[in-house]
């Protein structure tokens, strides 16, 4: 699941969603907002999955005209 949740990686609401849903976060140490004002300083977009997926790469993309930078994530199934 990926999207603009308007929640930073350290917000209590996002962490409660991760805990109660058994989910993990794939993009934490990045910045996506505000893209239209120079240097972004907070991540408001999130890539979440079940624990069966691992992160191959995860990053924010270039400024494309939105107020937020896009997220680019390559995930892979993790073998048990």
PDB file of N, CA and C in Angstrom:
ATOM      1  N   UNK A   1       0.861  -1.140   0.000  1.00  0.00           N
ATOM      2  CA  UNK A   1       0.000   0.000   0.000  1.00  0.00           C
ATOM      3  C   UNK A   1       0.917   1.215   0.000  1.00  0.00           C
ATOM      4  N   UNK A   2       0.644   2.152  -0.876  1.00  0.00           N
ATOM      5  CA  UNK A   2       1.451   3.371  -0.936  1.00  0.00           C
ATOM      6  C   UNK A   2       0.525   4.555  -1.115  1.00  0.00           C
ATOM      7  N   UNK A   3       0.910   5.669  -0.531  1.00  0.00           N
ATOM      8  CA  UNK A   3       0.096   6.843  -0.731  1.00  0.00           C
ATOM      9  C   UNK A   3       0.447   7.997   0.174  1.00  0.00           C
ATOM     10  N   UNK A   4      -0.284   9.047  -0.032  1.00  0.00           N
ATOM     11  CA  UNK A   4      -0.130  10.273   0.734  1.00  0.00           C
ATOM     12  C   UNK A   4      -1.046  10.183   1.951  1.00  0.00           C
ATOM     13  N   UNK A   5      -0.499   9.718   3.060  1.00  0.00           N
ATOM     14  CA  UNK A   5      -1.269   9.593   4.289  1.00  0.00           C
ATOM     15  C   UNK A   5      -1.228  10.882   5.107  1.00  0.00           C
ATOM     16  N   UNK A   6      -0.389  11.835   4.685  1.00  0.00           N
ATOM     17  CA  UNK A   6      -0.164  13.063   5.438  1.00  0.00           C
ATOM     18  C   UNK A   6       0.244  12.763   6.875  1.00  0.00           C
ATOM     19  N   UNK A   7       1.047  11.716   7.039  1.00  0.00           N
ATOM     20  CA  UNK A   7       1.573  11.320   8.343  1.00  0.00           C
ATOM     21  C   UNK A   7       3.071  11.120   8.226  1.00  0.00           C
ATOM     22  N   UNK A   8       3.832  11.713   9.117  1.00  0.00           N
ATOM     23  CA  UNK A   8       5.275  11.500   9.103  1.00  0.00           C
ATOM     24  C   UNK A   8       5.564  10.076   9.594  1.00  0.00           C
ATOM     25  N   UNK A   9       6.749   9.546   9.275  1.00  0.00           N
ATOM     26  CA  UNK A   9       7.084   8.182   9.691  1.00  0.00           C
ATOM     27  C   UNK A   9       7.052   7.964  11.203  1.00  0.00           C
ATOM     28  N   UNK A  10       7.099   9.042  11.976  1.00  0.00           N
ATOM     29  CA  UNK A  10       7.166   8.900  13.430  1.00  0.00           C
ATOM     30  C   UNK A  10       5.890   9.352  14.135  1.00  0.00           C
ATOM     31  N   UNK A  11       4.821   9.559  13.366  1.00  0.00           N
ATOM     32  CA  UNK A  11       3.555   9.964  13.985  1.00  0.00           C
ATOM     33  C   UNK A  11       2.919   8.770  14.693  1.00  0.00           C
ATOM     34  N   UNK A  12       2.199   9.032  15.757  1.00  0.00           N
ATOM     35  CA  UNK A  12       1.594   7.948  16.521  1.00  0.00           C
ATOM     36  C   UNK A  12       0.502   7.250  15.717  1.00  0.00           C
ATOM     37  N   UNK A  13      -0.196   7.977  14.843  1.00  0.00           N
ATOM     38  CA  UNK A  13      -1.252   7.348  14.043  1.00  0.00           C
ATOM     39  C   UNK A  13      -0.674   6.347  13.045  1.00  0.00           C
ATOM     40  N   UNK A  14       0.411   6.707  12.383  1.00  0.00           N
ATOM     41  CA  UNK A  14       1.028   5.781  11.436  1.00  0.00           C
ATOM     42  C   UNK A  14       1.602   4.579  12.171  1.00  0.00           C
ATOM     43  N   UNK A  15       2.246   4.812  13.289  1.00  0.00           N
ATOM     44  CA  UNK A  15       2.821   3.697  14.040  1.00  0.00           C
ATOM     45  C   UNK A  15       1.743   2.779  14.614  1.00  0.00           C
ATOM     46  N   UNK A  16       0.598   3.333  14.974  1.00  0.00           N
ATOM     47  CA  UNK A  16      -0.518   2.492  15.428  1.00  0.00           C
ATOM     48  C   UNK A  16      -1.052   1.645  14.271  1.00  0.00           C
ATOM     49  N   UNK A  17      -1.149   2.232  13.064  1.00  0.00           N
ATOM     50  CA  UNK A  17      -1.573   1.481  11.879  1.00  0.00           C
ATOM     51  C   UNK A  17      -0.608   0.335  11.598  1.00  0.00           C
ATOM     52  N   UNK A  18       0.692   0.597  11.683  1.00  0.00           N
ATOM     53  CA  UNK A  18       1.685  -0.450  11.450  1.00  0.00           C
ATOM     54  C   UNK A  18       1.544  -1.576  12.464  1.00  0.00           C
ATOM     55  N   UNK A  19       1.392  -1.216  13.713  1.00  0.00           N
ATOM     56  CA  UNK A  19       1.305  -2.210  14.779  1.00  0.00           C
ATOM     57  C   UNK A  19       0.023  -3.036  14.687  1.00  0.00           C
ATOM     58  N   UNK A  20      -1.113  -2.383  14.555  1.00  0.00           N
ATOM     59  CA  UNK A  20      -2.383  -3.116  14.530  1.00  0.00           C
ATOM     60  C   UNK A  20      -2.607  -3.859  13.216  1.00  0.00           C
ATOM     61  N   UNK A  21      -2.019  -3.363  12.135  1.00  0.00           N
ATOM     62  CA  UNK A  21      -2.185  -4.022  10.835  1.00  0.00           C
ATOM     63  C   UNK A  21      -1.104  -5.017  10.497  1.00  0.00           C
ATOM     64  N   UNK A  22      -0.091  -5.134  11.359  1.00  0.00           N
ATOM     65  CA  UNK A  22       1.008  -6.051  11.081  1.00  0.00           C
ATOM     66  C   UNK A  22       1.792  -5.636   9.844  1.00  0.00           C
ATOM     67  N   UNK A  23       1.943  -4.329   9.652  1.00  0.00           N
ATOM     68  CA  UNK A  23       2.594  -3.805   8.457  1.00  0.00           C
ATOM     69  C   UNK A  23       3.995  -3.294   8.767  1.00  0.00           C
ATOM     70  N   UNK A  24       4.782  -3.126   7.711  1.00  0.00           N
ATOM     71  CA  UNK A  24       6.104  -2.516   7.863  1.00  0.00           C
ATOM     72  C   UNK A  24       6.251  -1.372   6.884  1.00  0.00           C
ATOM     73  N   UNK A  25       7.111  -0.450   7.205  1.00  0.00           N
ATOM     74  CA  UNK A  25       7.361   0.750   6.404  1.00  0.00           C
ATOM     75  C   UNK A  25       8.603   0.520   5.538  1.00  0.00           C
ATOM     76  N   UNK A  26       8.580   1.011   4.292  1.00  0.00           N
ATOM     77  CA  UNK A  26       9.712   0.825   3.390  1.00  0.00           C
ATOM     78  C   UNK A  26      10.469   2.103   3.074  1.00  0.00           C
ATOM     79  N   UNK A  27       9.942   3.232   3.450  1.00  0.00           N
ATOM     80  CA  UNK A  27      10.620   4.503   3.166  1.00  0.00           C
ATOM     81  C   UNK A  27      10.529   5.341   4.435  1.00  0.00           C
ATOM     82  N   UNK A  28      11.648   5.553   5.105  1.00  0.00           N
ATOM     83  CA  UNK A  28      11.625   6.282   6.372  1.00  0.00           C
ATOM     84  C   UNK A  28      12.507   7.518   6.341  1.00  0.00           C
ATOM     85  N   UNK A  29      13.732   7.366   5.917  1.00  0.00           N
ATOM     86  CA  UNK A  29      14.713   8.450   5.996  1.00  0.00           C
ATOM     87  C   UNK A  29      14.800   9.207   4.678  1.00  0.00           C
ATOM     88  N   UNK A  30      13.700   9.842   4.313  1.00  0.00           N
ATOM     89  CA  UNK A  30      13.639  10.611   3.082  1.00  0.00           C
ATOM     90  C   UNK A  30      12.718  11.810   3.306  1.00  0.00           C
ATOM     91  N   UNK A  31      12.629  12.674   2.317  1.00  0.00           N
ATOM     92  CA  UNK A  31      11.826  13.888   2.432  1.00  0.00           C
ATOM     93  C   UNK A  31      11.026  14.087   1.152  1.00  0.00           C
ATOM     94  N   UNK A  32       9.729  14.355   1.271  1.00  0.00           N
ATOM     95  CA  UNK A  32       8.891  14.500   0.082  1.00  0.00           C
ATOM     96  C   UNK A  32       8.118  15.816   0.024  1.00  0.00           C
ATOM     97  N   UNK A  33       8.000  16.512   1.148  1.00  0.00           N
ATOM     98  CA  UNK A  33       7.162  17.716   1.180  1.00  0.00           C
ATOM     99  C   UNK A  33       7.864  18.839   1.913  1.00  0.00           C
ATOM    100  N   UNK A  34       7.728  20.069   1.516  1.00  0.00           N
ATOM    101  CA  UNK A  34       7.080  20.580   0.307  1.00  0.00           C
ATOM    102  C   UNK A  34       8.065  20.621  -0.860  1.00  0.00           C
ATOM    103  N   UNK A  35       7.731  20.011  -1.942  1.00  0.00           N
ATOM    104  CA  UNK A  35       8.605  19.961  -3.113  1.00  0.00           C
ATOM    105  C   UNK A  35       8.613  21.271  -3.866  1.00  0.00           C
ATOM    106  N   UNK A  36       7.548  22.035  -3.765  1.00  0.00           N
ATOM    107  CA  UNK A  36       7.433  23.267  -4.539  1.00  0.00           C
ATOM    108  C   UNK A  36       8.110  24.467  -3.874  1.00  0.00           C
ATOM    109  N   UNK A  37       8.703  24.288  -2.707  1.00  0.00           N
ATOM    110  CA  UNK A  37       9.346  25.402  -2.000  1.00  0.00           C
ATOM    111  C   UNK A  37      10.825  25.126  -1.748  1.00  0.00           C
ATOM    112  N   UNK A  38      11.503  24.637  -2.720  1.00  0.00           N
ATOM    113  CA  UNK A  38      12.928  24.374  -2.540  1.00  0.00           C
ATOM    114  C   UNK A  38      13.186  22.999  -1.976  1.00  0.00           C
ATOM    115  N   UNK A  39      13.758  22.950  -0.790  1.00  0.00           N
ATOM    116  CA  UNK A  39      14.168  21.687  -0.184  1.00  0.00           C
ATOM    117  C   UNK A  39      13.067  21.098   0.699  1.00  0.00           C
ATOM    118  N   UNK A  40      12.581  19.887   0.362  1.00  0.00           N
ATOM    119  CA  UNK A  40      11.602  19.240   1.243  1.00  0.00           C
ATOM    120  C   UNK A  40      12.232  18.932   2.604  1.00  0.00           C
ATOM    121  N   UNK A  41      11.406  18.925   3.668  1.00  0.00           N
ATOM    122  CA  UNK A  41      11.954  18.668   5.001  1.00  0.00           C
ATOM    123  C   UNK A  41      11.193  17.619   5.792  1.00  0.00           C
ATOM    124  N   UNK A  42      10.123  17.056   5.241  1.00  0.00           N
ATOM    125  CA  UNK A  42       9.377  16.021   5.955  1.00  0.00           C
ATOM    126  C   UNK A  42       8.839  14.998   4.951  1.00  0.00           C
ATOM    127  N   UNK A  43       8.688  13.763   5.386  1.00  0.00           N
ATOM    128  CA  UNK A  43       8.116  12.699   4.562  1.00  0.00           C
ATOM    129  C   UNK A  43       6.656  12.515   4.965  1.00  0.00           C
ATOM    130  N   UNK A  44       5.732  12.810   4.066  1.00  0.00           N
ATOM    131  CA  UNK A  44       4.303  12.636   4.347  1.00  0.00           C
ATOM    132  C   UNK A  44       3.700  11.469   3.580  1.00  0.00           C
ATOM    133  N   UNK A  45       4.465  10.900   2.677  1.00  0.00           N
ATOM    134  CA  UNK A  45       4.004   9.785   1.859  1.00  0.00           C
ATOM    135  C   UNK A  45       4.640   8.504   2.387  1.00  0.00           C
ATOM    136  N   UNK A  46       3.933   7.411   2.254  1.00  0.00           N
ATOM    137  CA  UNK A  46       4.412   6.173   2.852  1.00  0.00           C
ATOM    138  C   UNK A  46       4.219   4.986   1.923  1.00  0.00           C
ATOM    139  N   UNK A  47       5.139   4.040   2.011  1.00  0.00           N
ATOM    140  CA  UNK A  47       5.037   2.755   1.325  1.00  0.00           C
ATOM    141  C   UNK A  47       5.003   1.708   2.434  1.00  0.00           C
ATOM    142  N   UNK A  48       3.896   0.971   2.517  1.00  0.00           N
ATOM    143  CA  UNK A  48       3.689  -0.024   3.574  1.00  0.00           C
ATOM    144  C   UNK A  48       3.418  -1.380   2.948  1.00  0.00           C
ATOM    145  N   UNK A  49       3.782  -2.442   3.647  1.00  0.00           N
ATOM    146  CA  UNK A  49       3.474  -3.797   3.168  1.00  0.00           C
ATOM    147  C   UNK A  49       3.405  -4.746   4.353  1.00  0.00           C
ATOM    148  N   UNK A  50       3.014  -5.962   4.059  1.00  0.00           N
ATOM    149  CA  UNK A  50       3.089  -7.024   5.053  1.00  0.00           C
ATOM    150  C   UNK A  50       4.556  -7.417   5.200  1.00  0.00           C
ATOM    151  N   UNK A  51       4.921  -8.103   6.280  1.00  0.00           N
ATOM    152  CA  UNK A  51       6.330  -8.453   6.507  1.00  0.00           C
ATOM    153  C   UNK A  51       6.936  -9.362   5.435  1.00  0.00           C
ATOM    154  N   UNK A  52       6.125  -9.955   4.564  1.00  0.00           N
ATOM    155  CA  UNK A  52       6.636 -10.848   3.530  1.00  0.00           C
ATOM    156  C   UNK A  52       7.336 -10.147   2.376  1.00  0.00           C
ATOM    157  N   UNK A  53       7.411  -8.829   2.416  1.00  0.00           N
ATOM    158  CA  UNK A  53       8.075  -8.067   1.368  1.00  0.00           C
ATOM    159  C   UNK A  53       9.298  -7.366   1.938  1.00  0.00           C
ATOM    160  N   UNK A  54      10.367  -7.357   1.173  1.00  0.00           N
ATOM    161  CA  UNK A  54      11.580  -6.652   1.560  1.00  0.00           C
ATOM    162  C   UNK A  54      11.825  -5.485   0.629  1.00  0.00           C
ATOM    163  N   UNK A  55      12.596  -4.533   1.087  1.00  0.00           N
ATOM    164  CA  UNK A  55      12.931  -3.359   0.293  1.00  0.00           C
ATOM    165  C   UNK A  55      14.144  -3.649  -0.574  1.00  0.00           C
ATOM    166  N   UNK A  56      13.990  -3.502  -1.881  1.00  0.00           N
ATOM    167  CA  UNK A  56      15.125  -3.571  -2.793  1.00  0.00           C
ATOM    168  C   UNK A  56      15.723  -2.169  -2.887  1.00  0.00           C
ATOM    169  N   UNK A  57      14.911  -1.198  -3.256  1.00  0.00           N
ATOM    170  CA  UNK A  57      15.292   0.217  -3.228  1.00  0.00           C
ATOM    171  C   UNK A  57      14.060   1.032  -2.873  1.00  0.00           C
ATOM    172  N   UNK A  58      14.266   2.154  -2.232  1.00  0.00           N
ATOM    173  CA  UNK A  58      13.173   3.072  -1.908  1.00  0.00           C
ATOM    174  C   UNK A  58      13.752   4.476  -1.808  1.00  0.00           C
ATOM    175  N   UNK A  59      13.142   5.401  -2.531  1.00  0.00           N
ATOM    176  CA  UNK A  59      13.644   6.771  -2.536  1.00  0.00           C
ATOM    177  C   UNK A  59      12.559   7.710  -3.022  1.00  0.00           C
ATOM    178  N   UNK A  60      12.775   8.999  -2.847  1.00  0.00           N
ATOM    179  CA  UNK A  60      11.885   9.981  -3.444  1.00  0.00           C
ATOM    180  C   UNK A  60      12.463  10.386  -4.790  1.00  0.00           C
ATOM    181  N   UNK A  61      11.574  10.695  -5.709  1.00  0.00           N
ATOM    182  CA  UNK A  61      11.989  11.075  -7.050  1.00  0.00           C
ATOM    183  C   UNK A  61      12.165  12.573  -7.189  1.00  0.00           C
ATOM    184  N   UNK A  62      12.348  13.024  -8.426  1.00  0.00           N
ATOM    185  CA  UNK A  62      12.570  14.451  -8.673  1.00  0.00           C
ATOM    186  C   UNK A  62      11.276  15.250  -8.575  1.00  0.00           C
ATOM    187  N   UNK A  63      11.434  16.520  -8.466  1.00  0.00           N
ATOM    188  CA  UNK A  63      10.292  17.432  -8.455  1.00  0.00           C
ATOM    189  C   UNK A  63       9.608  17.390  -9.819  1.00  0.00           C
ATOM    190  N   UNK A  64       8.284  17.148  -9.821  1.00  0.00           N
ATOM    191  CA  UNK A  64       7.542  17.014 -11.079  1.00  0.00           C
ATOM    192  C   UNK A  64       6.384  17.989 -11.204  1.00  0.00           C
ATOM    193  N   UNK A  65       6.289  18.966 -10.319  1.00  0.00           N
ATOM    194  CA  UNK A  65       5.222  19.947 -10.403  1.00  0.00           C
ATOM    195  C   UNK A  65       4.202  19.862  -9.285  1.00  0.00           C
ATOM    196  N   UNK A  66       4.171  18.776  -8.560  1.00  0.00           N
ATOM    197  CA  UNK A  66       3.276  18.622  -7.418  1.00  0.00           C
ATOM    198  C   UNK A  66       3.903  19.284  -6.197  1.00  0.00           C
ATOM    199  N   UNK A  67       3.122  19.423  -5.128  1.00  0.00           N
ATOM    200  CA  UNK A  67       3.694  19.951  -3.895  1.00  0.00           C
ATOM    201  C   UNK A  67       4.479  18.877  -3.142  1.00  0.00           C
ATOM    202  N   UNK A  68       4.419  17.623  -3.625  1.00  0.00           N
ATOM    203  CA  UNK A  68       5.166  16.531  -3.010  1.00  0.00           C
ATOM    204  C   UNK A  68       5.978  15.804  -4.072  1.00  0.00           C
ATOM    205  N   UNK A  69       7.140  15.323  -3.673  1.00  0.00           N
ATOM    206  CA  UNK A  69       7.952  14.529  -4.590  1.00  0.00           C
ATOM    207  C   UNK A  69       7.398  13.113  -4.667  1.00  0.00           C
ATOM    208  N   UNK A  70       7.526  12.449  -5.814  1.00  0.00           N
ATOM    209  CA  UNK A  70       7.032  11.071  -5.929  1.00  0.00           C
ATOM    210  C   UNK A  70       7.903  10.098  -5.124  1.00  0.00           C
ATOM    211  N   UNK A  71       7.329   8.983  -4.749  1.00  0.00           N
ATOM    212  CA  UNK A  71       8.059   7.913  -4.087  1.00  0.00           C
ATOM    213  C   UNK A  71       8.295   6.810  -5.104  1.00  0.00           C
ATOM    214  N   UNK A  72       9.486   6.252  -5.084  1.00  0.00           N
ATOM    215  CA  UNK A  72       9.832   5.150  -5.977  1.00  0.00           C
ATOM    216  C   UNK A  72      10.325   4.015  -5.097  1.00  0.00           C
ATOM    217  N   UNK A  73       9.612   2.894  -5.132  1.00  0.00           N
ATOM    218  CA  UNK A  73       9.985   1.766  -4.273  1.00  0.00           C
ATOM    219  C   UNK A  73       9.939   0.471  -5.070  1.00  0.00           C
ATOM    220  N   UNK A  74      11.008  -0.282  -4.987  1.00  0.00           N
ATOM    221  CA  UNK A  74      11.064  -1.630  -5.557  1.00  0.00           C
ATOM    222  C   UNK A  74      11.071  -2.596  -4.394  1.00  0.00           C
ATOM    223  N   UNK A  75      10.063  -3.452  -4.351  1.00  0.00           N
ATOM    224  CA  UNK A  75       9.931  -4.434  -3.270  1.00  0.00           C
ATOM    225  C   UNK A  75      10.065  -5.839  -3.840  1.00  0.00           C
ATOM    226  N   UNK A  76      10.440  -6.774  -3.021  1.00  0.00           N
ATOM    227  CA  UNK A  76      10.560  -8.162  -3.446  1.00  0.00           C
ATOM    228  C   UNK A  76       9.975  -9.066  -2.365  1.00  0.00           C
ATOM    229  N   UNK A  77       9.404 -10.172  -2.809  1.00  0.00           N
ATOM    230  CA  UNK A  77       8.932 -11.161  -1.856  1.00  0.00           C
ATOM    231  C   UNK A  77      10.139 -11.778  -1.153  1.00  0.00           C
ATOM    232  N   UNK A  78      10.028 -11.935   0.138  1.00  0.00           N
ATOM    233  CA  UNK A  78      11.098 -12.537   0.919  1.00  0.00           C
ATOM    234  C   UNK A  78      10.749 -14.009   1.096  1.00  0.00           C
ATOM    235  N   UNK A  79      11.687 -14.866   0.797  1.00  0.00           N
ATOM    236  CA  UNK A  79      11.436 -16.302   0.964  1.00  0.00           C
ATOM    237  C   UNK A  79      11.449 -16.665   2.441  1.00  0.00           C
ATOM    238  N   UNK A  80      10.527 -17.521   2.849  1.00  0.00           N
ATOM    239  CA  UNK A  80      10.482 -17.918   4.269  1.00  0.00           C
ATOM    240  C   UNK A  80      11.660 -18.767   4.690  1.00  0.00           C
TER     241      UNK A  80
END
